C-alpha atoms as a PDB file:
ATOM      1  CA  UNK A   1     117.017 114.190 111.801  1.00  0.00           C
ATOM      2  CA  UNK A   2     117.973 112.056 114.993  1.00  0.00           C
ATOM      3  CA  UNK A   3     121.667 112.066 116.001  1.00  0.00           C
ATOM      4  CA  UNK A   4     122.006 108.448 115.308  1.00  0.00           C
ATOM      5  CA  UNK A   5     124.306 107.805 112.337  1.00  0.00           C
ATOM      6  CA  UNK A   6     122.008 105.512 110.317  1.00  0.00           C
ATOM      7  CA  UNK A   7     118.386 106.480 109.033  1.00  0.00           C
ATOM      8  CA  UNK A   8     116.952 103.429 110.134  1.00  0.00           C
ATOM      9  CA  UNK A   9     115.935 102.071 113.359  1.00  0.00           C
ATOM     10  CA  UNK A  10     117.388  98.684 114.308  1.00  0.00           C
ATOM     11  CA  UNK A  11     115.302  96.664 116.810  1.00  0.00           C
ATOM     12  CA  UNK A  12     115.676  93.206 118.292  1.00  0.00           C
ATOM     13  CA  UNK A  13     114.509  90.651 115.600  1.00  0.00           C
ATOM     14  CA  UNK A  14     115.664  87.600 117.723  1.00  0.00           C
ATOM     15  CA  UNK A  15     113.219  87.724 120.539  1.00  0.00           C
ATOM     16  CA  UNK A  16     112.533  84.308 122.135  1.00  0.00           C
ATOM     17  CA  UNK A  17     108.942  83.018 121.135  1.00  0.00           C
ATOM     18  CA  UNK A  18     106.481  82.849 123.979  1.00  0.00           C
ATOM     19  CA  UNK A  19     103.302  80.849 123.506  1.00  0.00           C
ATOM     20  CA  UNK A  20     100.213  82.466 124.733  1.00  0.00           C
ATOM     21  CA  UNK A  21      96.605  82.147 124.075  1.00  0.00           C
ATOM     22  CA  UNK A  22      96.630  85.969 122.456  1.00  0.00           C
ATOM     23  CA  UNK A  23     100.140  85.304 120.922  1.00  0.00           C
ATOM     24  CA  UNK A  24     103.153  87.033 121.657  1.00  0.00           C
ATOM     25  CA  UNK A  25     103.162  90.760 121.413  1.00  0.00           C
ATOM     26  CA  UNK A  26     106.060  92.579 119.919  1.00  0.00           C
ATOM     27  CA  UNK A  27     106.341  96.373 120.399  1.00  0.00           C
ATOM     28  CA  UNK A  28     107.710  98.917 117.862  1.00  0.00           C
ATOM     29  CA  UNK A  29     111.151  99.442 119.572  1.00  0.00           C
ATOM     30  CA  UNK A  30     111.768  95.808 118.578  1.00  0.00           C
ATOM     31  CA  UNK A  31     111.187  96.243 114.891  1.00  0.00           C
ATOM     32  CA  UNK A  32     113.473  97.365 112.123  1.00  0.00           C
ATOM     33  CA  UNK A  33     111.911 100.259 110.554  1.00  0.00           C
ATOM     34  CA  UNK A  34     113.402 101.795 107.401  1.00  0.00           C
ATOM     35  CA  UNK A  35     113.732 105.745 107.808  1.00  0.00           C
ATOM     36  CA  UNK A  36     113.089 105.067 111.356  1.00  0.00           C
ATOM     37  CA  UNK A  37     115.643 107.175 112.902  1.00  0.00           C
ATOM     38  CA  UNK A  38     114.663 110.209 110.747  1.00  0.00           C
ATOM     39  CA  UNK A  39     111.637 111.940 112.649  1.00  0.00           C
ATOM     40  CA  UNK A  40     110.770 113.789 109.242  1.00  0.00           C
ATOM     41  CA  UNK A  41     109.440 110.117 108.223  1.00  0.00           C
ATOM     42  CA  UNK A  42     108.676 108.060 111.727  1.00  0.00           C
ATOM     43  CA  UNK A  43     108.215 108.869 115.456  1.00  0.00           C
ATOM     44  CA  UNK A  44     109.640 105.554 117.258  1.00  0.00           C
ATOM     45  CA  UNK A  45     108.958 105.774 120.739  1.00  0.00           C
ATOM     46  CA  UNK A  46     111.763 105.218 123.294  1.00  0.00           C
ATOM     47  CA  UNK A  47     109.008 103.647 125.500  1.00  0.00           C
ATOM     48  CA  UNK A  48     108.604  99.994 124.755  1.00  0.00           C
ATOM     49  CA  UNK A  49     104.765  99.789 124.873  1.00  0.00           C
ATOM     50  CA  UNK A  50     103.857 102.983 122.619  1.00  0.00           C
ATOM     51  CA  UNK A  51     102.871 103.096 119.123  1.00  0.00           C
ATOM     52  CA  UNK A  52     105.400 103.995 116.323  1.00  0.00           C
ATOM     53  CA  UNK A  53     103.904 106.637 114.124  1.00  0.00           C
ATOM     54  CA  UNK A  54     104.444 107.042 110.431  1.00  0.00           C
ATOM     55  CA  UNK A  55     104.744 110.606 109.471  1.00  0.00           C
ATOM     56  CA  UNK A  56     105.328 110.097 105.862  1.00  0.00           C
ATOM     57  CA  UNK A  57     107.289 107.517 103.592  1.00  0.00           C
ATOM     58  CA  UNK A  58     107.207 106.465 100.057  1.00  0.00           C
ATOM     59  CA  UNK A  59     109.055 103.173 101.189  1.00  0.00           C
ATOM     60  CA  UNK A  60     106.931 101.473 104.130  1.00  0.00           C
ATOM     61  CA  UNK A  61     109.352  98.494 105.572  1.00  0.00           C
ATOM     62  CA  UNK A  62     108.898  97.288 108.812  1.00  0.00           C
ATOM     63  CA  UNK A  63     110.458  94.046 109.755  1.00  0.00           C
ATOM     64  CA  UNK A  64     110.859  91.982 112.843  1.00  0.00           C
ATOM     65  CA  UNK A  65     111.195  88.189 114.122  1.00  0.00           C
ATOM     66  CA  UNK A  66     111.274  85.663 116.682  1.00  0.00           C
ATOM     67  CA  UNK A  67     113.586  82.753 117.680  1.00  0.00           C
ATOM     68  CA  UNK A  68     112.265  79.342 119.135  1.00  0.00           C
ATOM     69  CA  UNK A  69     109.358  78.471 116.785  1.00  0.00           C
ATOM     70  CA  UNK A  70     108.658  74.935 115.567  1.00  0.00           C
ATOM     71  CA  UNK A  71     109.346  73.549 111.999  1.00  0.00           C
ATOM     72  CA  UNK A  72     105.999  71.596 111.802  1.00  0.00           C
ATOM     73  CA  UNK A  73     103.733  74.302 113.472  1.00  0.00           C
ATOM     74  CA  UNK A  74     101.848  77.143 111.370  1.00  0.00           C
ATOM     75  CA  UNK A  75     101.894  80.816 112.510  1.00  0.00           C
ATOM     76  CA  UNK A  76      99.638  83.930 112.121  1.00  0.00           C
ATOM     77  CA  UNK A  77     101.459  87.292 112.379  1.00  0.00           C
ATOM     78  CA  UNK A  78      99.453  90.427 112.538  1.00  0.00           C
ATOM     79  CA  UNK A  79      99.887  93.933 113.360  1.00  0.00           C
ATOM     80  CA  UNK A  80      97.667  96.221 115.558  1.00  0.00           C
ATOM     81  CA  UNK A  81      97.287  99.510 113.891  1.00  0.00           C
ATOM     82  CA  UNK A  82      95.170 102.520 113.437  1.00  0.00           C
ATOM     83  CA  UNK A  83      95.201 105.665 111.244  1.00  0.00           C
ATOM     84  CA  UNK A  84      95.352 109.304 112.297  1.00  0.00           C
ATOM     85  CA  UNK A  85      92.594 111.533 111.164  1.00  0.00           C
ATOM     86  CA  UNK A  86      94.836 113.174 108.701  1.00  0.00           C
ATOM     87  CA  UNK A  87      96.337 109.904 107.184  1.00  0.00           C
ATOM     88  CA  UNK A  88      96.873 109.680 103.518  1.00  0.00           C
ATOM     89  CA  UNK A  89      98.056 107.453 100.622  1.00  0.00           C
ATOM     90  CA  UNK A  90      95.872 104.379 101.793  1.00  0.00           C
ATOM     91  CA  UNK A  91      93.264 102.429 100.196  1.00  0.00           C
ATOM     92  CA  UNK A  92      94.515 102.791  96.705  1.00  0.00           C
ATOM     93  CA  UNK A  93      97.609 100.499  96.865  1.00  0.00           C
ATOM     94  CA  UNK A  94      97.911  97.178  98.839  1.00  0.00           C
ATOM     95  CA  UNK A  95     100.320  96.566 101.707  1.00  0.00           C
ATOM     96  CA  UNK A  96     101.838  93.230 102.349  1.00  0.00           C
ATOM     97  CA  UNK A  97     102.608  91.303 105.171  1.00  0.00           C
ATOM     98  CA  UNK A  98     105.550  88.780 104.748  1.00  0.00           C
ATOM     99  CA  UNK A  99     106.087  85.638 106.809  1.00  0.00           C
ATOM    100  CA  UNK A 100     108.844  83.051 106.373  1.00  0.00           C
ATOM    101  CA  UNK A 101     110.538  80.554 108.630  1.00  0.00           C
ATOM    102  CA  UNK A 102     114.082  79.592 109.277  1.00  0.00           C
ATOM    103  CA  UNK A 103     116.463  80.008 106.229  1.00  0.00           C
ATOM    104  CA  UNK A 104     113.905  79.213 103.674  1.00  0.00           C
ATOM    105  CA  UNK A 105     113.952  81.577 100.513  1.00  0.00           C
ATOM    106  CA  UNK A 106     110.216  81.016 100.182  1.00  0.00           C
ATOM    107  CA  UNK A 107     108.171  83.478 102.049  1.00  0.00           C
ATOM    108  CA  UNK A 108     104.285  83.585 102.559  1.00  0.00           C
ATOM    109  CA  UNK A 109     102.838  87.134 101.225  1.00  0.00           C
ATOM    110  CA  UNK A 110      99.487  88.426 102.171  1.00  0.00           C
ATOM    111  CA  UNK A 111      97.892  91.199 100.117  1.00  0.00           C
ATOM    112  CA  UNK A 112      95.850  93.866 102.382  1.00  0.00           C
ATOM    113  CA  UNK A 113      93.932  96.955 101.514  1.00  0.00           C
ATOM    114  CA  UNK A 114      93.683  99.382 103.993  1.00  0.00           C
ATOM    115  CA  UNK A 115      90.571 101.321 104.386  1.00  0.00           C
ATOM    116  CA  UNK A 116      91.313 104.987 104.594  1.00  0.00           C
ATOM    117  CA  UNK A 117      88.217 105.663 106.446  1.00  0.00           C
ATOM    118  CA  UNK A 118      88.862 103.029 109.182  1.00  0.00           C
ATOM    119  CA  UNK A 119      88.560 104.226 112.682  1.00  0.00           C
ATOM    120  CA  UNK A 120      90.080 103.084 115.922  1.00  0.00           C
ATOM    121  CA  UNK A 121      92.502 100.294 116.237  1.00  0.00           C
ATOM    122  CA  UNK A 122      92.264  97.302 114.062  1.00  0.00           C
ATOM    123  CA  UNK A 123      94.344  94.164 113.004  1.00  0.00           C
ATOM    124  CA  UNK A 124      95.904  93.222 109.558  1.00  0.00           C
ATOM    125  CA  UNK A 125      97.393  89.701 109.373  1.00  0.00           C
ATOM    126  CA  UNK A 126      98.669  87.031 107.448  1.00  0.00           C
ATOM    127  CA  UNK A 127      99.325  83.338 108.039  1.00  0.00           C
ATOM    128  CA  UNK A 128     102.123  81.090 107.333  1.00  0.00           C
ATOM    129  CA  UNK A 129     100.641  77.423 107.200  1.00  0.00           C
ATOM    130  CA  UNK A 130     103.329  74.449 107.388  1.00  0.00           C
ATOM    131  CA  UNK A 131     102.367  70.979 106.716  1.00  0.00           C
ATOM    132  CA  UNK A 132     103.702  68.011 108.687  1.00  0.00           C
ATOM    133  CA  UNK A 133     105.805  67.336 105.682  1.00  0.00           C
ATOM    134  CA  UNK A 134     107.596  70.628 105.643  1.00  0.00           C
ATOM    135  CA  UNK A 135     110.981  70.061 107.403  1.00  0.00           C
ATOM    136  CA  UNK A 136     113.915  72.391 107.003  1.00  0.00           C
ATOM    137  CA  UNK A 137     117.026  69.615 107.096  1.00  0.00           C
ATOM    138  CA  UNK A 138     119.918  70.954 108.619  1.00  0.00           C
ATOM    139  CA  UNK A 139     119.230  74.702 108.598  1.00  0.00           C
ATOM    140  CA  UNK A 140     116.277  75.012 111.111  1.00  0.00           C
ATOM    141  CA  UNK A 141     117.302  77.851 113.287  1.00  0.00           C
ATOM    142  CA  UNK A 142     113.644  78.203 114.633  1.00  0.00           C
ATOM    143  CA  UNK A 143     113.416  81.783 113.365  1.00  0.00           C
ATOM    144  CA  UNK A 144     110.306  83.125 112.002  1.00  0.00           C
ATOM    145  CA  UNK A 145     110.640  86.588 110.167  1.00  0.00           C
ATOM    146  CA  UNK A 146     108.048  88.881 109.452  1.00  0.00           C
ATOM    147  CA  UNK A 147     107.366  92.262 107.759  1.00  0.00           C
ATOM    148  CA  UNK A 148     104.919  95.100 106.823  1.00  0.00           C
ATOM    149  CA  UNK A 149     105.721  96.594 103.132  1.00  0.00           C
ATOM    150  CA  UNK A 150     104.724  98.866 100.733  1.00  0.00           C
ATOM    151  CA  UNK A 151     107.591  99.536  98.601  1.00  0.00           C
ATOM    152  CA  UNK A 152     106.405  99.288  95.070  1.00  0.00           C
ATOM    153  CA  UNK A 153     103.760 102.120  94.143  1.00  0.00           C
ATOM    154  CA  UNK A 154     106.427 104.858  95.315  1.00  0.00           C
ATOM    155  CA  UNK A 155     103.430 106.912  96.575  1.00  0.00           C
ATOM    156  CA  UNK A 156     103.576 108.928  99.699  1.00  0.00           C
ATOM    157  CA  UNK A 157     101.832 107.700 102.681  1.00  0.00           C
ATOM    158  CA  UNK A 158     101.311 108.730 106.252  1.00  0.00           C
ATOM    159  CA  UNK A 159      99.346 108.785 109.577  1.00  0.00           C
ATOM    160  CA  UNK A 160      99.667 104.896 110.224  1.00  0.00           C
ATOM    161  CA  UNK A 161     100.130 104.115 113.644  1.00  0.00           C
ATOM    162  CA  UNK A 162     101.809 100.665 114.565  1.00  0.00           C
ATOM    163  CA  UNK A 163     100.686  99.708 118.207  1.00  0.00           C
ATOM    164  CA  UNK A 164     102.289  96.273 118.007  1.00  0.00           C
ATOM    165  CA  UNK A 165     102.850  93.104 116.010  1.00  0.00           C
ATOM    166  CA  UNK A 166     101.955  89.661 117.256  1.00  0.00           C
ATOM    167  CA  UNK A 167     102.941  86.121 116.610  1.00  0.00           C
ATOM    168  CA  UNK A 168     100.861  83.186 117.574  1.00  0.00           C
ATOM    169  CA  UNK A 169     100.902  79.490 116.963  1.00  0.00           C
ATOM    170  CA  UNK A 170      97.837  78.051 114.950  1.00  0.00           C
END
């Protein structure tokens, strides 16, 4: 186990949102990863642009966030991922992408099934659609939070690499 006193990796969940055609890339060092400081479960790189590799967990929870988003805009969040040849635990149970904006209690959840035979790098994504009537009165901190989850099955899974996440305005 890593020498850090907590088993969880804490990243920077308050990066300033930058708008770009391909969206803003967020690398794994900036994620909060449950069990991410324990090398039995995750390999989180010290280099900012390398993939985080899931060794094995029964509780997948990877979260992040950006500040500086706008209340009346819609956003897409995605993760660029790949599976190692020896990946296991995928395909039977869905994973979920969660996105929420500001201090809202309501989040948008997107259910995704990962094909265990998927080769190469691929994207999984969710979208938070915000109508023009959607305002967060007095509590708009401009923060967009997101996460990747599979915490309900209790089944072990491994061999997933997370190359980066992205946030883009739709």
